[in-house]
Amino acid sequence: MDQAEGAKMIIEKLQKKQKMKSKFYFKDLANILGMKPRQAKKIVNQMVTDGQLEYWSSGSTSLYGLPGTGKQAAAEDEE
């Protein structure tokens, strides 16, 4: 699977689930791709670099989501 194909799969799946939740664990993204974590990491990291995904960390938990979605994005818009 190449970068574009993997990115398309992740974006489509996250858009479908967006009403229920806006941030996802890395293992969720690896499951969407059907890859082992080491393989999926390359695709996910490139998506973050390209701005297709955003990375969010609370310090103990790391999550990924589509840019501009979720409670965190709404709070940042109000500032």
PDB file of N, CA and C in Angstrom:
ATOM      1  N   MET A   1       0.850  -1.172   0.000  1.00  0.00           N
ATOM      2  CA  MET A   1       0.000   0.000   0.000  1.00  0.00           C
ATOM      3  C   MET A   1       0.899   1.241   0.000  1.00  0.00           C
ATOM      4  N   ASP A   2       0.583   2.191  -0.877  1.00  0.00           N
ATOM      5  CA  ASP A   2       1.392   3.404  -0.926  1.00  0.00           C
ATOM      6  C   ASP A   2       0.806   4.489  -0.022  1.00  0.00           C
ATOM      7  N   GLN A   3       1.512   5.599   0.090  1.00  0.00           N
ATOM      8  CA  GLN A   3       1.133   6.697   0.989  1.00  0.00           C
ATOM      9  C   GLN A   3      -0.250   7.258   0.663  1.00  0.00           C
ATOM     10  N   ALA A   4      -0.515   7.526  -0.609  1.00  0.00           N
ATOM     11  CA  ALA A   4      -1.787   8.132  -1.009  1.00  0.00           C
ATOM     12  C   ALA A   4      -2.968   7.211  -0.699  1.00  0.00           C
ATOM     13  N   GLU A   5      -2.804   5.945  -0.976  1.00  0.00           N
ATOM     14  CA  GLU A   5      -3.866   4.971  -0.720  1.00  0.00           C
ATOM     15  C   GLU A   5      -4.139   4.846   0.780  1.00  0.00           C
ATOM     16  N   GLY A   6      -3.098   4.799   1.578  1.00  0.00           N
ATOM     17  CA  GLY A   6      -3.246   4.705   3.023  1.00  0.00           C
ATOM     18  C   GLY A   6      -3.907   5.952   3.604  1.00  0.00           C
ATOM     19  N   ALA A   7      -3.477   7.112   3.132  1.00  0.00           N
ATOM     20  CA  ALA A   7      -4.048   8.376   3.602  1.00  0.00           C
ATOM     21  C   ALA A   7      -5.534   8.452   3.272  1.00  0.00           C
ATOM     22  N   LYS A   8      -5.896   8.025   2.078  1.00  0.00           N
ATOM     23  CA  LYS A   8      -7.304   8.054   1.662  1.00  0.00           C
ATOM     24  C   LYS A   8      -8.147   7.145   2.564  1.00  0.00           C
ATOM     25  N   MET A   9      -7.638   5.967   2.865  1.00  0.00           N
ATOM     26  CA  MET A   9      -8.367   5.031   3.732  1.00  0.00           C
ATOM     27  C   MET A   9      -8.602   5.634   5.123  1.00  0.00           C
ATOM     28  N   ILE A  10      -7.564   6.225   5.690  1.00  0.00           N
ATOM     29  CA  ILE A  10      -7.674   6.798   7.033  1.00  0.00           C
ATOM     30  C   ILE A  10      -8.650   7.973   7.041  1.00  0.00           C
ATOM     31  N   ILE A  11      -8.513   8.879   6.101  1.00  0.00           N
ATOM     32  CA  ILE A  11      -9.380  10.058   6.059  1.00  0.00           C
ATOM     33  C   ILE A  11     -10.840   9.667   5.901  1.00  0.00           C
ATOM     34  N   GLU A  12     -11.135   8.736   4.996  1.00  0.00           N
ATOM     35  CA  GLU A  12     -12.523   8.304   4.796  1.00  0.00           C
ATOM     36  C   GLU A  12     -13.107   7.701   6.067  1.00  0.00           C
ATOM     37  N   LYS A  13     -12.347   6.857   6.737  1.00  0.00           N
ATOM     38  CA  LYS A  13     -12.822   6.184   7.949  1.00  0.00           C
ATOM     39  C   LYS A  13     -13.031   7.191   9.082  1.00  0.00           C
ATOM     40  N   LEU A  14     -12.112   8.126   9.252  1.00  0.00           N
ATOM     41  CA  LEU A  14     -12.240   9.118  10.319  1.00  0.00           C
ATOM     42  C   LEU A  14     -13.408  10.063  10.064  1.00  0.00           C
ATOM     43  N   GLN A  15     -13.663  10.403   8.814  1.00  0.00           N
ATOM     44  CA  GLN A  15     -14.801  11.262   8.504  1.00  0.00           C
ATOM     45  C   GLN A  15     -16.121  10.571   8.840  1.00  0.00           C
ATOM     46  N   LYS A  16     -16.196   9.263   8.631  1.00  0.00           N
ATOM     47  CA  LYS A  16     -17.411   8.514   8.963  1.00  0.00           C
ATOM     48  C   LYS A  16     -17.643   8.463  10.471  1.00  0.00           C
ATOM     49  N   LYS A  17     -16.562   8.363  11.239  1.00  0.00           N
ATOM     50  CA  LYS A  17     -16.669   8.237  12.693  1.00  0.00           C
ATOM     51  C   LYS A  17     -16.649   9.586  13.409  1.00  0.00           C
ATOM     52  N   GLN A  18     -16.535  10.666  12.672  1.00  0.00           N
ATOM     53  CA  GLN A  18     -16.335  11.986  13.239  1.00  0.00           C
ATOM     54  C   GLN A  18     -17.463  12.436  14.175  1.00  0.00           C
ATOM     55  N   LYS A  19     -18.679  11.995  13.939  1.00  0.00           N
ATOM     56  CA  LYS A  19     -19.794  12.407  14.794  1.00  0.00           C
ATOM     57  C   LYS A  19     -19.694  11.793  16.180  1.00  0.00           C
ATOM     58  N   MET A  20     -19.085  10.615  16.293  1.00  0.00           N
ATOM     59  CA  MET A  20     -18.975   9.937  17.579  1.00  0.00           C
ATOM     60  C   MET A  20     -17.726  10.355  18.341  1.00  0.00           C
ATOM     61  N   LYS A  21     -16.611  10.482  17.647  1.00  0.00           N
ATOM     62  CA  LYS A  21     -15.381  10.910  18.305  1.00  0.00           C
ATOM     63  C   LYS A  21     -14.462  11.579  17.299  1.00  0.00           C
ATOM     64  N   SER A  22     -13.604  12.467  17.811  1.00  0.00           N
ATOM     65  CA  SER A  22     -12.764  13.247  16.901  1.00  0.00           C
ATOM     66  C   SER A  22     -11.289  12.873  16.974  1.00  0.00           C
ATOM     67  N   LYS A  23     -10.871  12.209  18.034  1.00  0.00           N
ATOM     68  CA  LYS A  23      -9.475  11.825  18.193  1.00  0.00           C
ATOM     69  C   LYS A  23      -9.362  10.312  18.315  1.00  0.00           C
ATOM     70  N   PHE A  24      -8.292   9.762  17.764  1.00  0.00           N
ATOM     71  CA  PHE A  24      -8.122   8.317  17.716  1.00  0.00           C
ATOM     72  C   PHE A  24      -6.710   7.934  18.145  1.00  0.00           C
ATOM     73  N   TYR A  25      -6.613   6.780  18.766  1.00  0.00           N
ATOM     74  CA  TYR A  25      -5.314   6.239  19.146  1.00  0.00           C
ATOM     75  C   TYR A  25      -4.585   5.753  17.898  1.00  0.00           C
ATOM     76  N   PHE A  26      -3.268   5.686  17.988  1.00  0.00           N
ATOM     77  CA  PHE A  26      -2.468   5.197  16.868  1.00  0.00           C
ATOM     78  C   PHE A  26      -2.886   3.787  16.470  1.00  0.00           C
ATOM     79  N   LYS A  27      -3.181   2.932  17.466  1.00  0.00           N
ATOM     80  CA  LYS A  27      -3.562   1.549  17.150  1.00  0.00           C
ATOM     81  C   LYS A  27      -4.843   1.507  16.318  1.00  0.00           C
ATOM     82  N   ASP A  28      -5.745   2.488  16.507  1.00  0.00           N
ATOM     83  CA  ASP A  28      -6.958   2.561  15.678  1.00  0.00           C
ATOM     84  C   ASP A  28      -6.586   2.815  14.220  1.00  0.00           C
ATOM     85  N   LEU A  29      -5.638   3.715  14.004  1.00  0.00           N
ATOM     86  CA  LEU A  29      -5.210   4.031  12.634  1.00  0.00           C
ATOM     87  C   LEU A  29      -4.499   2.836  12.001  1.00  0.00           C
ATOM     88  N   ALA A  30      -3.693   2.136  12.779  1.00  0.00           N
ATOM     89  CA  ALA A  30      -3.008   0.945  12.264  1.00  0.00           C
ATOM     90  C   ALA A  30      -4.022  -0.128  11.881  1.00  0.00           C
ATOM     91  N   ASN A  31      -5.091  -0.258  12.679  1.00  0.00           N
ATOM     92  CA  ASN A  31      -6.148  -1.225  12.358  1.00  0.00           C
ATOM     93  C   ASN A  31      -6.888  -0.842  11.083  1.00  0.00           C
ATOM     94  N   ILE A  32      -7.130   0.440  10.880  1.00  0.00           N
ATOM     95  CA  ILE A  32      -7.783   0.898   9.647  1.00  0.00           C
ATOM     96  C   ILE A  32      -6.947   0.494   8.437  1.00  0.00           C
ATOM     97  N   LEU A  33      -5.636   0.656   8.558  1.00  0.00           N
ATOM     98  CA  LEU A  33      -4.740   0.306   7.453  1.00  0.00           C
ATOM     99  C   LEU A  33      -4.528  -1.198   7.325  1.00  0.00           C
ATOM    100  N   GLY A  34      -4.803  -1.936   8.408  1.00  0.00           N
ATOM    101  CA  GLY A  34      -4.566  -3.372   8.400  1.00  0.00           C
ATOM    102  C   GLY A  34      -3.081  -3.692   8.394  1.00  0.00           C
ATOM    103  N   MET A  35      -2.306  -2.845   9.059  1.00  0.00           N
ATOM    104  CA  MET A  35      -0.853  -3.002   9.071  1.00  0.00           C
ATOM    105  C   MET A  35      -0.354  -3.153  10.499  1.00  0.00           C
ATOM    106  N   LYS A  36       0.865  -3.654  10.594  1.00  0.00           N
ATOM    107  CA  LYS A  36       1.536  -3.672  11.886  1.00  0.00           C
ATOM    108  C   LYS A  36       1.951  -2.235  12.217  1.00  0.00           C
ATOM    109  N   PRO A  37       2.071  -1.905  13.510  1.00  0.00           N
ATOM    110  CA  PRO A  37       2.379  -0.527  13.904  1.00  0.00           C
ATOM    111  C   PRO A  37       3.606   0.084  13.230  1.00  0.00           C
ATOM    112  N   ARG A  38       4.654  -0.670  13.081  1.00  0.00           N
ATOM    113  CA  ARG A  38       5.878  -0.129  12.480  1.00  0.00           C
ATOM    114  C   ARG A  38       5.643   0.329  11.038  1.00  0.00           C
ATOM    115  N   GLN A  39       4.852  -0.439  10.283  1.00  0.00           N
ATOM    116  CA  GLN A  39       4.548  -0.074   8.898  1.00  0.00           C
ATOM    117  C   GLN A  39       3.603   1.122   8.846  1.00  0.00           C
ATOM    118  N   ALA A  40       2.597   1.111   9.712  1.00  0.00           N
ATOM    119  CA  ALA A  40       1.596   2.173   9.725  1.00  0.00           C
ATOM    120  C   ALA A  40       2.191   3.506  10.160  1.00  0.00           C
ATOM    121  N   LYS A  41       3.197   3.466  11.014  1.00  0.00           N
ATOM    122  CA  LYS A  41       3.800   4.689  11.549  1.00  0.00           C
ATOM    123  C   LYS A  41       4.335   5.596  10.442  1.00  0.00           C
ATOM    124  N   LYS A  42       4.909   4.999   9.410  1.00  0.00           N
ATOM    125  CA  LYS A  42       5.440   5.790   8.299  1.00  0.00           C
ATOM    126  C   LYS A  42       4.330   6.582   7.612  1.00  0.00           C
ATOM    127  N   ILE A  43       3.202   5.932   7.360  1.00  0.00           N
ATOM    128  CA  ILE A  43       2.081   6.589   6.692  1.00  0.00           C
ATOM    129  C   ILE A  43       1.482   7.663   7.588  1.00  0.00           C
ATOM    130  N   VAL A  44       1.234   7.331   8.854  1.00  0.00           N
ATOM    131  CA  VAL A  44       0.613   8.280   9.779  1.00  0.00           C
ATOM    132  C   VAL A  44       1.517   9.494   9.989  1.00  0.00           C
ATOM    133  N   ASN A  45       2.809   9.279  10.200  1.00  0.00           N
ATOM    134  CA  ASN A  45       3.731  10.400  10.395  1.00  0.00           C
ATOM    135  C   ASN A  45       3.783  11.312   9.178  1.00  0.00           C
ATOM    136  N   GLN A  46       3.743  10.729   7.990  1.00  0.00           N
ATOM    137  CA  GLN A  46       3.757  11.547   6.775  1.00  0.00           C
ATOM    138  C   GLN A  46       2.464  12.352   6.663  1.00  0.00           C
ATOM    139  N   MET A  47       1.342  11.772   7.081  1.00  0.00           N
ATOM    140  CA  MET A  47       0.065  12.494   7.056  1.00  0.00           C
ATOM    141  C   MET A  47       0.094  13.687   8.012  1.00  0.00           C
ATOM    142  N   VAL A  48       0.722  13.527   9.161  1.00  0.00           N
ATOM    143  CA  VAL A  48       0.861  14.637  10.111  1.00  0.00           C
ATOM    144  C   VAL A  48       1.747  15.724   9.500  1.00  0.00           C
ATOM    145  N   THR A  49       2.846  15.322   8.897  1.00  0.00           N
ATOM    146  CA  THR A  49       3.756  16.274   8.255  1.00  0.00           C
ATOM    147  C   THR A  49       3.055  17.037   7.141  1.00  0.00           C
ATOM    148  N   ASP A  50       2.210  16.357   6.377  1.00  0.00           N
ATOM    149  CA  ASP A  50       1.489  16.972   5.258  1.00  0.00           C
ATOM    150  C   ASP A  50       0.280  17.788   5.708  1.00  0.00           C
ATOM    151  N   GLY A  51      -0.094  17.699   6.986  1.00  0.00           N
ATOM    152  CA  GLY A  51      -1.246  18.445   7.493  1.00  0.00           C
ATOM    153  C   GLY A  51      -2.576  17.750   7.301  1.00  0.00           C
ATOM    154  N   GLN A  52      -2.558  16.487   6.896  1.00  0.00           N
ATOM    155  CA  GLN A  52      -3.799  15.736   6.716  1.00  0.00           C
ATOM    156  C   GLN A  52      -4.348  15.238   8.049  1.00  0.00           C
ATOM    157  N   LEU A  53      -3.473  15.027   9.012  1.00  0.00           N
ATOM    158  CA  LEU A  53      -3.838  14.635  10.372  1.00  0.00           C
ATOM    159  C   LEU A  53      -3.154  15.583  11.332  1.00  0.00           C
ATOM    160  N   GLU A  54      -3.755  15.728  12.524  1.00  0.00           N
ATOM    161  CA  GLU A  54      -3.058  16.484  13.549  1.00  0.00           C
ATOM    162  C   GLU A  54      -2.794  15.582  14.739  1.00  0.00           C
ATOM    163  N   TYR A  55      -1.681  15.836  15.361  1.00  0.00           N
ATOM    164  CA  TYR A  55      -1.224  15.060  16.500  1.00  0.00           C
ATOM    165  C   TYR A  55      -1.575  15.840  17.755  1.00  0.00           C
ATOM    166  N   TRP A  56      -2.126  15.173  18.751  1.00  0.00           N
ATOM    167  CA  TRP A  56      -2.471  15.806  20.018  1.00  0.00           C
ATOM    168  C   TRP A  56      -1.968  14.933  21.152  1.00  0.00           C
ATOM    169  N   SER A  57      -1.347  15.558  22.140  1.00  0.00           N
ATOM    170  CA  SER A  57      -0.836  14.811  23.272  1.00  0.00           C
ATOM    171  C   SER A  57      -1.177  15.532  24.563  1.00  0.00           C
ATOM    172  N   SER A  58      -1.618  14.763  25.560  1.00  0.00           N
ATOM    173  CA  SER A  58      -1.892  15.331  26.876  1.00  0.00           C
ATOM    174  C   SER A  58      -0.675  15.175  27.774  1.00  0.00           C
ATOM    175  N   GLY A  59       0.345  14.571  27.285  1.00  0.00           N
ATOM    176  CA  GLY A  59       1.526  14.279  28.069  1.00  0.00           C
ATOM    177  C   GLY A  59       1.628  12.791  28.349  1.00  0.00           C
ATOM    178  N   SER A  60       0.481  12.177  28.602  1.00  0.00           N
ATOM    179  CA  SER A  60       0.487  10.733  28.851  1.00  0.00           C
ATOM    180  C   SER A  60      -0.232   9.968  27.747  1.00  0.00           C
ATOM    181  N   THR A  61      -1.045  10.663  26.992  1.00  0.00           N
ATOM    182  CA  THR A  61      -1.819  10.027  25.923  1.00  0.00           C
ATOM    183  C   THR A  61      -1.578  10.766  24.617  1.00  0.00           C
ATOM    184  N   SER A  62      -1.365  10.024  23.550  1.00  0.00           N
ATOM    185  CA  SER A  62      -1.175  10.614  22.231  1.00  0.00           C
ATOM    186  C   SER A  62      -2.328  10.194  21.333  1.00  0.00           C
ATOM    187  N   LEU A  63      -2.926  11.156  20.679  1.00  0.00           N
ATOM    188  CA  LEU A  63      -4.066  10.899  19.805  1.00  0.00           C
ATOM    189  C   LEU A  63      -3.877  11.612  18.474  1.00  0.00           C
ATOM    190  N   TYR A  64      -4.610  11.148  17.478  1.00  0.00           N
ATOM    191  CA  TYR A  64      -4.567  11.734  16.149  1.00  0.00           C
ATOM    192  C   TYR A  64      -5.992  12.046  15.714  1.00  0.00           C
ATOM    193  N   GLY A  65      -6.150  13.088  14.913  1.00  0.00           N
ATOM    194  CA  GLY A  65      -7.464  13.434  14.405  1.00  0.00           C
ATOM    195  C   GLY A  65      -7.344  14.284  13.158  1.00  0.00           C
ATOM    196  N   LEU A  66      -8.488  14.537  12.541  1.00  0.00           N
ATOM    197  CA  LEU A  66      -8.516  15.402  11.376  1.00  0.00           C
ATOM    198  C   LEU A  66      -8.337  16.841  11.852  1.00  0.00           C
ATOM    199  N   PRO A  67      -7.604  17.660  11.124  1.00  0.00           N
ATOM    200  CA  PRO A  67      -7.369  19.044  11.557  1.00  0.00           C
ATOM    201  C   PRO A  67      -8.673  19.820  11.725  1.00  0.00           C
ATOM    202  N   GLY A  68      -8.742  20.590  12.811  1.00  0.00           N
ATOM    203  CA  GLY A  68      -9.894  21.452  13.046  1.00  0.00           C
ATOM    204  C   GLY A  68     -11.120  20.757  13.597  1.00  0.00           C
ATOM    205  N   THR A  69     -10.988  19.552  14.128  1.00  0.00           N
ATOM    206  CA  THR A  69     -12.144  18.853  14.684  1.00  0.00           C
ATOM    207  C   THR A  69     -11.978  18.649  16.178  1.00  0.00           C
ATOM    208  N   GLY A  70     -13.091  18.468  16.860  1.00  0.00           N
ATOM    209  CA  GLY A  70     -13.051  18.153  18.278  1.00  0.00           C
ATOM    210  C   GLY A  70     -13.167  19.360  19.187  1.00  0.00           C
ATOM    211  N   LYS A  71     -13.301  19.087  20.471  1.00  0.00           N
ATOM    212  CA  LYS A  71     -13.454  20.125  21.479  1.00  0.00           C
ATOM    213  C   LYS A  71     -12.219  21.015  21.557  1.00  0.00           C
ATOM    214  N   GLN A  72     -11.047  20.433  21.410  1.00  0.00           N
ATOM    215  CA  GLN A  72      -9.810  21.191  21.494  1.00  0.00           C
ATOM    216  C   GLN A  72      -9.757  22.263  20.415  1.00  0.00           C
ATOM    217  N   ALA A  73     -10.154  21.933  19.208  1.00  0.00           N
ATOM    218  CA  ALA A  73     -10.140  22.892  18.110  1.00  0.00           C
ATOM    219  C   ALA A  73     -11.146  24.010  18.361  1.00  0.00           C
ATOM    220  N   ALA A  74     -12.306  23.681  18.906  1.00  0.00           N
ATOM    221  CA  ALA A  74     -13.323  24.690  19.198  1.00  0.00           C
ATOM    222  C   ALA A  74     -12.816  25.660  20.259  1.00  0.00           C
ATOM    223  N   ALA A  75     -12.117  25.173  21.260  1.00  0.00           N
ATOM    224  CA  ALA A  75     -11.574  26.022  22.308  1.00  0.00           C
ATOM    225  C   ALA A  75     -10.487  26.947  21.762  1.00  0.00           C
ATOM    226  N   GLU A  76      -9.688  26.451  20.856  1.00  0.00           N
ATOM    227  CA  GLU A  76      -8.630  27.262  20.276  1.00  0.00           C
ATOM    228  C   GLU A  76      -9.196  28.352  19.372  1.00  0.00           C
ATOM    229  N   ASP A  77     -10.342  28.086  18.723  1.00  0.00           N
ATOM    230  CA  ASP A  77     -10.975  29.080  17.857  1.00  0.00           C
ATOM    231  C   ASP A  77     -11.528  30.255  18.654  1.00  0.00           C
ATOM    232  N   GLU A  78     -11.938  30.001  19.895  1.00  0.00           N
ATOM    233  CA  GLU A  78     -12.537  31.043  20.719  1.00  0.00           C
ATOM    234  C   GLU A  78     -11.511  32.043  21.216  1.00  0.00           C
ATOM    235  N   GLU A  79     -10.258  31.662  21.282  1.00  0.00           N
ATOM    236  CA  GLU A  79      -9.218  32.561  21.816  1.00  0.00           C
ATOM    237  C   GLU A  79      -8.937  33.716  20.935  1.00  0.00           C
TER     238      GLU A  79
END
